[in-house]
Protein backbone atom coordinates (compact mmCIF):
# COMPACT_ATOMS: atom_id res chain seq x y z
CA MET A 1 -14.93 -106.16 125.80
CA SER A 2 -12.77 -102.77 126.10
CA THR A 3 -9.55 -102.54 124.42
CA PRO A 4 -6.89 -102.10 127.12
CA ALA A 5 -4.54 -99.02 127.52
CA LEU A 6 -1.36 -99.57 125.51
CA TYR A 7 0.76 -98.90 128.82
CA ASP A 8 -0.38 -100.11 132.32
CA LEU A 9 2.32 -100.02 134.80
CA SER A 10 0.14 -101.61 137.68
CA PRO A 11 2.07 -105.09 137.14
CA ALA A 12 5.37 -103.41 136.90
CA LEU A 13 6.46 -104.35 140.54
CA ARG A 14 5.40 -108.12 140.10
CA LEU A 15 7.20 -108.33 136.83
CA MET A 16 10.37 -107.19 138.39
CA PHE A 17 9.64 -109.79 141.15
CA MET A 18 9.66 -112.44 138.20
CA GLY A 19 12.83 -110.88 136.75
CA LEU A 20 14.44 -111.59 139.78
CA VAL A 21 13.23 -114.68 140.43
CA VAL A 22 14.52 -115.78 136.93
CA ALA A 23 18.09 -114.26 137.87
CA LEU A 24 18.41 -115.81 141.28
CA GLY A 25 19.46 -119.35 139.72
CA PRO A 26 22.21 -117.89 137.53
CA LEU A 27 23.60 -115.59 140.28
CA ALA A 28 23.51 -118.32 142.96
CA TRP A 29 25.35 -120.83 140.68
CA VAL A 30 28.02 -118.06 140.04
CA TRP A 31 28.46 -117.32 143.53
CA VAL A 32 28.69 -121.01 144.66
CA ARG A 33 31.23 -122.11 141.93
CA ASN A 34 33.23 -118.96 141.84
CA LYS A 35 33.31 -117.43 145.42
CA ASP A 36 37.10 -118.15 146.10
CA ALA A 37 38.23 -117.32 142.54
CA PRO A 38 40.04 -113.87 141.76
CA LEU A 39 37.95 -111.05 141.35
CA ALA A 40 38.49 -110.80 137.78
CA GLN A 41 37.44 -114.24 137.17
CA ARG A 42 34.16 -114.00 139.18
CA LEU A 43 33.27 -110.93 137.09
CA ARG A 44 34.12 -112.65 134.02
CA VAL A 45 31.79 -115.62 134.96
CA LEU A 46 28.94 -113.49 135.76
CA THR A 47 29.62 -111.74 132.54
CA LEU A 48 29.53 -115.06 130.34
CA VAL A 49 26.23 -116.54 132.15
CA THR A 50 24.45 -112.90 131.34
CA LEU A 51 25.89 -113.37 127.62
CA PHE A 52 24.69 -116.81 127.68
CA LEU A 53 20.96 -115.94 128.81
CA THR A 54 20.89 -112.87 126.58
CA PHE A 55 21.77 -115.14 123.52
CA ASP A 56 18.87 -117.35 124.70
CA LEU A 57 16.67 -114.02 125.08
CA VAL A 58 17.52 -112.94 121.33
CA ILE A 59 16.56 -116.71 119.88
CA PHE A 60 13.42 -116.56 121.97
CA GLY A 61 12.88 -112.93 120.76
CA ALA A 62 13.14 -114.55 117.09
CA PHE A 63 10.52 -117.26 118.23
CA THR A 64 7.96 -114.86 119.73
CA ARG A 65 8.07 -112.61 116.32
CA LEU A 66 8.00 -115.94 114.04
CA THR A 67 5.05 -117.18 115.83
CA ASP A 68 3.30 -113.76 115.45
CA SER A 69 3.02 -113.79 119.07
CA GLY A 70 4.74 -110.28 119.62
CA LEU A 71 1.07 -108.79 120.09
CA GLY A 72 -0.06 -111.95 122.49
CA CYS A 73 -0.44 -109.19 125.28
CA PRO A 74 -1.52 -105.86 123.63
CA ASP A 75 -0.27 -103.72 126.31
CA TRP A 76 2.86 -103.21 128.36
CA PRO A 77 4.81 -104.33 130.48
CA GLY A 78 1.98 -106.72 131.57
CA CYS A 79 -1.12 -108.45 129.88
CA TYR A 80 -4.22 -106.76 130.23
CA GLY A 81 -2.97 -105.09 133.26
CA SER A 82 -1.95 -108.43 134.95
CA ALA A 83 1.70 -109.77 135.28
CA SER A 84 0.74 -113.14 133.85
CA PRO A 85 -1.88 -114.67 131.45
CA VAL A 86 -3.44 -116.23 134.19
CA GLY A 87 -4.97 -112.97 135.51
CA ALA A 88 -5.65 -112.09 132.01
CA GLN A 89 -7.81 -115.37 131.05
CA LEU A 90 -11.02 -113.44 130.50
CA HIS A 91 -9.59 -110.96 128.32
CA ILE A 92 -7.71 -113.35 126.16
CA ASP A 93 -10.78 -115.68 125.98
CA ALA A 94 -12.60 -112.80 124.64
CA ALA A 95 -10.14 -111.75 122.20
CA GLN A 96 -9.97 -115.25 121.17
CA SER A 97 -13.42 -115.93 120.57
CA ALA A 98 -13.30 -112.89 118.27
CA MET A 99 -10.49 -113.61 116.30
CA PRO A 100 -9.54 -117.32 116.92
CA THR A 101 -6.11 -117.08 114.49
CA GLY A 102 -5.91 -113.34 115.53
CA PRO A 103 -2.79 -111.92 117.37
CA VAL A 104 -4.18 -112.55 120.86
CA THR A 105 -4.45 -116.40 121.81
CA HIS A 106 -3.38 -118.26 125.30
CA SER A 107 -0.43 -119.84 123.64
CA LYS A 108 0.73 -116.37 122.09
CA ALA A 109 0.25 -114.65 125.48
CA TRP A 110 2.17 -117.12 127.25
CA ILE A 111 5.20 -116.92 124.63
CA GLU A 112 5.04 -112.88 124.83
CA MET A 113 4.99 -112.88 128.69
CA ILE A 114 7.97 -115.51 128.79
CA HIS A 115 9.94 -113.61 126.60
CA ARG A 116 9.34 -110.46 128.85
CA TYR A 117 10.26 -112.40 131.80
CA LEU A 118 13.73 -113.33 130.36
CA ALA A 119 14.27 -109.63 129.47
CA THR A 120 13.49 -108.70 132.97
CA GLY A 121 15.80 -111.44 134.19
CA VAL A 122 18.61 -110.43 131.87
CA GLY A 123 18.24 -106.92 132.98
CA VAL A 124 18.53 -107.90 136.85
CA LEU A 125 21.73 -109.61 135.79
CA ILE A 126 23.14 -106.71 134.10
CA LEU A 127 22.24 -104.44 136.88
CA VAL A 128 24.25 -107.02 139.55
CA LEU A 129 27.15 -106.97 137.05
CA THR A 130 27.26 -103.08 136.80
CA LEU A 131 27.02 -102.86 140.62
CA SER A 132 29.31 -105.26 141.36
CA THR A 133 32.06 -103.99 138.95
CA TRP A 134 31.72 -100.24 140.64
CA ILE A 135 32.48 -101.94 143.87
CA ALA A 136 35.44 -103.86 142.59
CA PHE A 137 36.54 -100.82 140.89
CA ARG A 138 36.25 -98.84 144.09
CA ASP A 139 38.18 -101.16 146.04
CA GLU A 140 40.86 -101.35 143.46
CA ARG A 141 41.17 -98.09 143.10
CA ARG A 142 42.19 -97.86 147.01
CA THR A 143 44.46 -100.84 146.66
CA ALA A 144 46.06 -99.17 143.51
CA LYS A 145 46.78 -95.68 145.18
CA SER A 146 48.69 -97.57 147.68
CA GLU A 147 50.74 -99.26 145.31
CA LYS A 148 51.10 -96.47 143.03
CA ARG A 149 49.38 -97.80 140.12
CA GLY A 150 46.55 -97.47 137.95
CA ALA A 151 42.92 -99.45 138.42
CA GLN A 152 42.48 -102.14 135.80
CA ILE A 153 38.99 -102.88 136.35
CA SER A 154 36.71 -100.26 134.28
CA PRO A 155 33.07 -99.95 135.42
CA TRP A 156 32.01 -98.00 132.27
CA TRP A 157 31.68 -100.95 130.08
CA PRO A 158 28.99 -102.37 132.22
CA THR A 159 27.49 -98.94 132.90
CA VAL A 160 26.98 -98.71 129.11
CA THR A 161 25.48 -101.79 128.68
CA LEU A 162 22.80 -101.07 131.95
CA LEU A 163 21.92 -97.99 130.02
CA TRP A 164 21.50 -99.92 126.67
CA VAL A 165 19.53 -102.47 128.10
CA CYS A 166 17.25 -99.78 129.55
CA LEU A 167 16.85 -98.69 126.00
CA GLN A 168 16.31 -102.00 124.85
CA GLY A 169 13.53 -102.47 127.23
CA ALA A 170 11.87 -99.23 125.72
CA PHE A 171 12.22 -100.54 122.18
CA GLY A 172 10.70 -103.50 123.44
CA ALA A 173 7.63 -101.33 124.63
CA LEU A 174 7.15 -99.56 121.41
CA THR A 175 7.23 -102.83 119.43
CA VAL A 176 4.03 -103.50 121.25
CA THR A 177 2.41 -100.22 121.41
CA MET A 178 3.34 -99.01 117.76
CA LYS A 179 1.64 -102.54 116.82
CA LEU A 180 4.85 -104.24 115.38
CA PHE A 181 6.26 -101.10 113.40
CA PRO A 182 8.80 -102.65 111.06
CA ALA A 183 11.52 -99.82 111.96
CA ILE A 184 10.94 -100.20 115.52
CA VAL A 185 11.09 -104.28 115.44
CA THR A 186 14.42 -104.01 113.30
CA LEU A 187 15.96 -101.86 115.86
CA HIS A 188 14.93 -104.18 118.60
CA LEU A 189 16.65 -107.06 116.92
CA LEU A 190 19.69 -105.04 116.27
CA GLY A 191 19.87 -103.60 119.78
CA GLY A 192 19.57 -107.42 121.35
CA LEU A 193 22.69 -107.97 119.10
CA ILE A 194 24.80 -104.78 120.10
CA LEU A 195 23.82 -106.08 123.91
CA LEU A 196 25.68 -109.34 123.10
CA ALA A 197 28.54 -107.43 121.71
CA LEU A 198 28.89 -105.19 124.84
CA LEU A 199 28.73 -108.40 126.91
CA GLN A 200 31.10 -110.27 124.78
CA ALA A 201 33.65 -107.46 124.73
CA GLN A 202 33.41 -107.41 128.53
CA SER A 203 33.91 -111.03 129.02
CA VAL A 204 37.14 -110.82 126.96
CA ARG A 205 38.27 -107.84 128.91
CA TYR A 206 37.84 -109.76 132.27
CA GLY A 207 39.67 -112.83 130.69
CA GLN A 208 42.49 -110.84 130.16
CA LEU A 209 42.55 -109.45 133.71
CA SER A 210 42.15 -112.81 135.24
CA GLU A 211 45.51 -114.07 136.54
CA ASN A 212 44.92 -117.71 135.73
CA SER A 213 43.74 -116.84 132.09
CA ALA A 214 45.62 -117.37 128.83
CA ALA A 215 43.54 -114.88 127.25
CA ALA A 216 46.02 -112.16 126.98
CA ARG A 217 46.33 -109.84 124.18
CA ILE A 218 46.96 -111.27 120.86
CA THR A 219 48.86 -108.89 118.36
CA LEU A 220 47.04 -108.40 115.00
CA SER A 221 48.56 -106.56 111.85
CA PRO A 222 46.83 -103.69 110.65
CA ARG A 223 46.15 -105.46 107.46
CA THR A 224 44.05 -108.23 109.68
CA ARG A 225 42.42 -105.51 111.62
CA ILE A 226 40.98 -103.86 108.63
CA PHE A 227 39.84 -107.19 107.52
CA VAL A 228 38.05 -108.15 110.39
CA MET A 229 36.62 -104.48 110.78
CA ALA A 230 35.54 -104.57 107.26
CA ALA A 231 33.65 -107.91 107.73
CA PHE A 232 32.10 -106.68 111.14
CA ALA A 233 30.81 -103.70 109.15
CA LEU A 234 29.11 -106.14 106.40
CA LEU A 235 28.03 -108.40 108.94
CA TRP A 236 25.71 -105.66 110.66
CA LEU A 237 24.56 -104.35 107.41
CA GLN A 238 23.31 -107.68 106.31
CA ILE A 239 21.87 -108.22 109.76
CA ALA A 240 19.82 -105.03 109.43
CA LEU A 241 18.54 -106.20 105.82
CA GLY A 242 17.86 -109.71 107.11
CA GLY A 243 15.50 -107.88 110.11
CA TRP A 244 13.99 -105.90 107.38
CA VAL A 245 13.06 -108.90 105.61
CA SER A 246 11.65 -110.49 108.71
CA THR A 247 9.76 -107.44 109.96
CA ASN A 248 7.93 -107.10 106.66
CA TYR A 249 7.40 -110.70 106.17
CA ALA A 250 9.27 -110.48 102.98
CA VAL A 251 11.10 -114.07 103.12
CA LEU A 252 8.32 -115.70 100.77
CA ALA A 253 8.65 -113.06 98.12
CA CYS A 254 11.05 -115.19 96.37
CA THR A 255 10.46 -118.96 96.86
CA ASP A 256 13.16 -119.99 94.40
CA PHE A 257 16.85 -120.11 94.23
CA PRO A 258 19.17 -118.80 92.71
CA ALA A 259 16.57 -117.10 90.41
CA CYS A 260 13.68 -115.03 92.21
CA GLN A 261 10.09 -115.53 90.46
CA ASN A 262 12.12 -116.98 87.77
CA SER A 263 14.32 -114.16 87.04
CA PHE A 264 17.76 -112.83 88.11
CA TRP A 265 16.24 -109.33 88.29
CA PRO A 266 12.43 -109.44 89.23
CA ASP A 267 10.19 -106.59 89.12
CA MET A 268 11.30 -104.52 92.22
CA ASP A 269 9.89 -101.11 94.11
CA PHE A 270 12.90 -100.10 96.12
CA ARG A 271 11.41 -96.97 96.95
CA GLN A 272 8.51 -98.30 98.64
CA GLY A 273 10.54 -101.24 99.83
CA PHE A 274 12.74 -99.10 101.61
CA THR A 275 10.65 -96.48 102.83
CA VAL A 276 11.66 -96.75 106.67
CA TRP A 277 9.14 -94.84 108.67
CA ARG A 278 5.80 -96.56 107.92
CA GLU A 279 3.20 -98.85 109.44
CA LEU A 280 3.52 -102.79 108.81
CA GLY A 281 2.05 -103.91 105.54
CA ALA A 282 1.60 -100.20 104.47
CA SER A 283 3.32 -97.89 102.03
CA HIS A 284 4.59 -94.18 102.78
CA ASP A 285 1.23 -93.04 101.76
CA GLY A 286 -0.65 -95.53 103.98
CA ALA A 287 -1.98 -97.85 101.04
CA ASN A 288 -1.05 -101.45 101.00
CA ILE A 289 2.58 -102.20 100.22
CA SER A 290 3.18 -103.74 97.10
CA PHE A 291 4.54 -107.32 96.40
CA GLN A 292 7.08 -105.58 93.97
CA ALA A 293 8.41 -103.70 97.46
CA LEU A 294 8.30 -106.78 99.21
CA THR A 295 10.45 -108.16 96.26
CA ALA A 296 12.81 -105.40 96.71
CA ILE A 297 13.22 -105.97 100.44
CA HIS A 298 14.09 -109.75 99.89
CA TYR A 299 16.24 -109.79 96.97
CA VAL A 300 18.68 -106.80 98.27
CA HIS A 301 19.25 -108.98 101.16
CA ARG A 302 19.92 -112.08 98.91
CA LEU A 303 22.27 -110.15 96.84
CA ALA A 304 24.08 -108.62 99.92
CA ALA A 305 24.42 -112.13 101.18
CA TYR A 306 26.32 -113.40 98.42
CA LEU A 307 29.05 -110.71 99.21
CA VAL A 308 29.08 -111.23 103.08
CA PHE A 309 29.44 -115.26 102.69
CA VAL A 310 32.56 -114.64 100.72
CA VAL A 311 33.93 -111.97 102.98
CA LEU A 312 33.39 -114.18 106.01
CA LEU A 313 34.66 -117.41 104.48
CA ALA A 314 37.80 -115.62 103.49
CA LEU A 315 38.49 -114.11 107.09
CA ALA A 316 37.75 -117.55 108.45
CA ILE A 317 40.45 -118.99 106.30
CA HIS A 318 42.84 -115.97 107.20
CA LEU A 319 42.13 -116.52 110.83
CA HIS A 320 42.49 -120.38 110.75
CA ARG A 321 45.96 -119.83 109.40
CA ALA A 322 47.02 -118.22 112.78
CA PRO A 323 47.45 -120.48 115.55
CA ALA A 324 46.06 -118.12 117.93
CA PHE A 325 43.00 -117.44 116.02
CA ARG A 326 42.38 -120.94 114.65
CA LEU A 327 39.35 -121.55 117.10
CA GLN A 328 37.78 -118.49 115.90
CA GLY A 329 38.41 -119.13 112.14
CA ARG A 330 36.66 -122.96 112.63
CA TRP A 331 33.82 -121.09 114.55
CA LEU A 332 33.36 -118.39 111.73
CA ALA A 333 33.55 -120.87 108.85
CA GLY A 334 31.15 -123.13 110.52
CA LEU A 335 28.49 -120.45 111.14
CA THR A 336 28.74 -118.88 108.13
CA LEU A 337 28.01 -122.04 106.40
CA LEU A 338 24.95 -122.89 108.84
CA GLN A 339 23.69 -119.27 107.69
CA ALA A 340 23.77 -120.14 104.05
CA ALA A 341 22.03 -123.48 104.74
CA THR A 342 19.43 -122.08 107.08
CA GLY A 343 18.87 -118.79 104.87
CA LEU A 344 18.54 -121.16 101.63
CA SER A 345 15.93 -123.32 103.70
CA ASN A 346 13.96 -120.44 104.43
CA VAL A 347 13.35 -119.99 100.66
CA VAL A 348 12.80 -123.17 99.32
CA LEU A 349 11.08 -125.09 102.49
CA GLY A 350 8.61 -122.24 103.00
CA TRP A 351 10.01 -120.34 105.98
CA PRO A 352 10.08 -123.29 108.57
CA LEU A 353 10.17 -122.12 111.89
CA VAL A 354 13.29 -124.00 113.33
CA ALA A 355 15.25 -122.72 110.28
CA ALA A 356 14.11 -119.18 110.77
CA VAL A 357 15.08 -119.50 114.30
CA ALA A 358 18.22 -120.73 113.73
CA HIS A 359 19.21 -117.98 111.08
CA THR A 360 18.70 -115.36 113.91
CA GLY A 361 20.83 -117.64 116.56
CA GLY A 362 23.73 -117.70 113.55
CA ALA A 363 23.72 -113.89 112.88
CA ALA A 364 23.85 -113.65 116.97
CA ALA A 365 26.46 -116.17 117.34
CA LEU A 366 28.61 -114.41 114.19
CA VAL A 367 28.47 -111.21 116.10
CA VAL A 368 29.74 -112.63 119.34
CA VAL A 369 32.69 -114.53 117.43
CA LEU A 370 33.80 -111.38 115.55
CA THR A 371 33.56 -109.19 118.65
CA GLY A 372 35.63 -111.30 120.58
CA VAL A 373 38.34 -111.44 117.68
CA ILE A 374 38.35 -107.60 117.63
CA PHE A 375 38.81 -107.22 121.37
CA SER A 376 41.15 -110.35 121.91
CA GLY A 377 43.62 -108.90 119.55
CA SER A 378 45.43 -105.56 120.00
CA SER A 379 47.26 -103.54 117.06
CA SER A 380 50.44 -104.68 116.18
CA LEU A 381 51.90 -101.41 117.33
CA GLU A 382 51.49 -102.38 120.89
CA THR A 383 53.32 -104.59 123.15
CA ALA A 384 52.33 -108.31 123.19
CA PRO A 385 53.54 -111.36 124.99
CA ALA A 386 56.62 -113.13 122.79
CA SER A 387 54.47 -116.67 123.15
CA LYS A 388 51.63 -115.19 121.25
CA LEU A 389 51.85 -115.21 117.26
CA LYS A 390 50.75 -112.36 114.85
CA ALA A 391 47.93 -112.86 112.78
């Protein structure tokens, strides 16, 4: 059977319809439960629902990658030109018969397409959020002019989020059409986490605008703000390194701990391991990537993890001492310990699926928590409510 074209847009409208179906349930729930709530509260609830489903999408994306289902449908956006694996059954049967354990099987095709349905549903929710915010901004600006004050709702956050989710969709397409190119897959993972951060920032902002919310701005001292931002930067670096480990399948390059291959400095090839632009399993010159390169990828991530672990726990203790951020401090400590446990499990237990998916979920949750801290706290130079305590 002939190889399908990498891009086949014929099922695009049907996929959009599937995304609309996925989004209708959450949209109906938001409308029914919050139709009489203040505008900022309605926008916040819609943002939180979108954030929750985006988190689920990131987790399912990890599941798709870890079950080797990323090429379950080798074309984009559909599956062999169909909107579901049902219409592609003959093509999948032929591919599975030729390679029973290959990238295309019925189960892998369904996993890949469910991931695409969820992604399309999230895109619909973000589009609705953007349109709703622009309408609210227009109405508020009219009212603000008559009352001689500035509008508080900004449409630019959801607009940037909409543009970002479109870019994320493009990376999703390239993940398939470039055959799991490691740099593209890693960028796709990072893009999903940036999407979470954008949505969390908006939810905090809408919470601050809500009349009935206690999420007013809390003063952060300059030292604490620097501490939080440094930890946030280290977290992103570690996530990028972790994504590079996963997309290059380098987790099992070291199967002992704390040593690696019975050495605390194993034989490593950093140049080959961190050549970014190359195909999966290949070196910069097209030859098979060496085991020493995979070891370098794994061990750099492990060494960086020690530093990030200490910094995040120290920040968690620091935040816990401030009553206004005590809950965030607890979450940060718990998630940091979870990351250590799941990361260690991946090494000594042979990369079990549950631990691997949970490791991605923990990283995503850390991004959400630290984004919330950053956007909840204002500089100490700003005016904060007297009832709030300085961190």
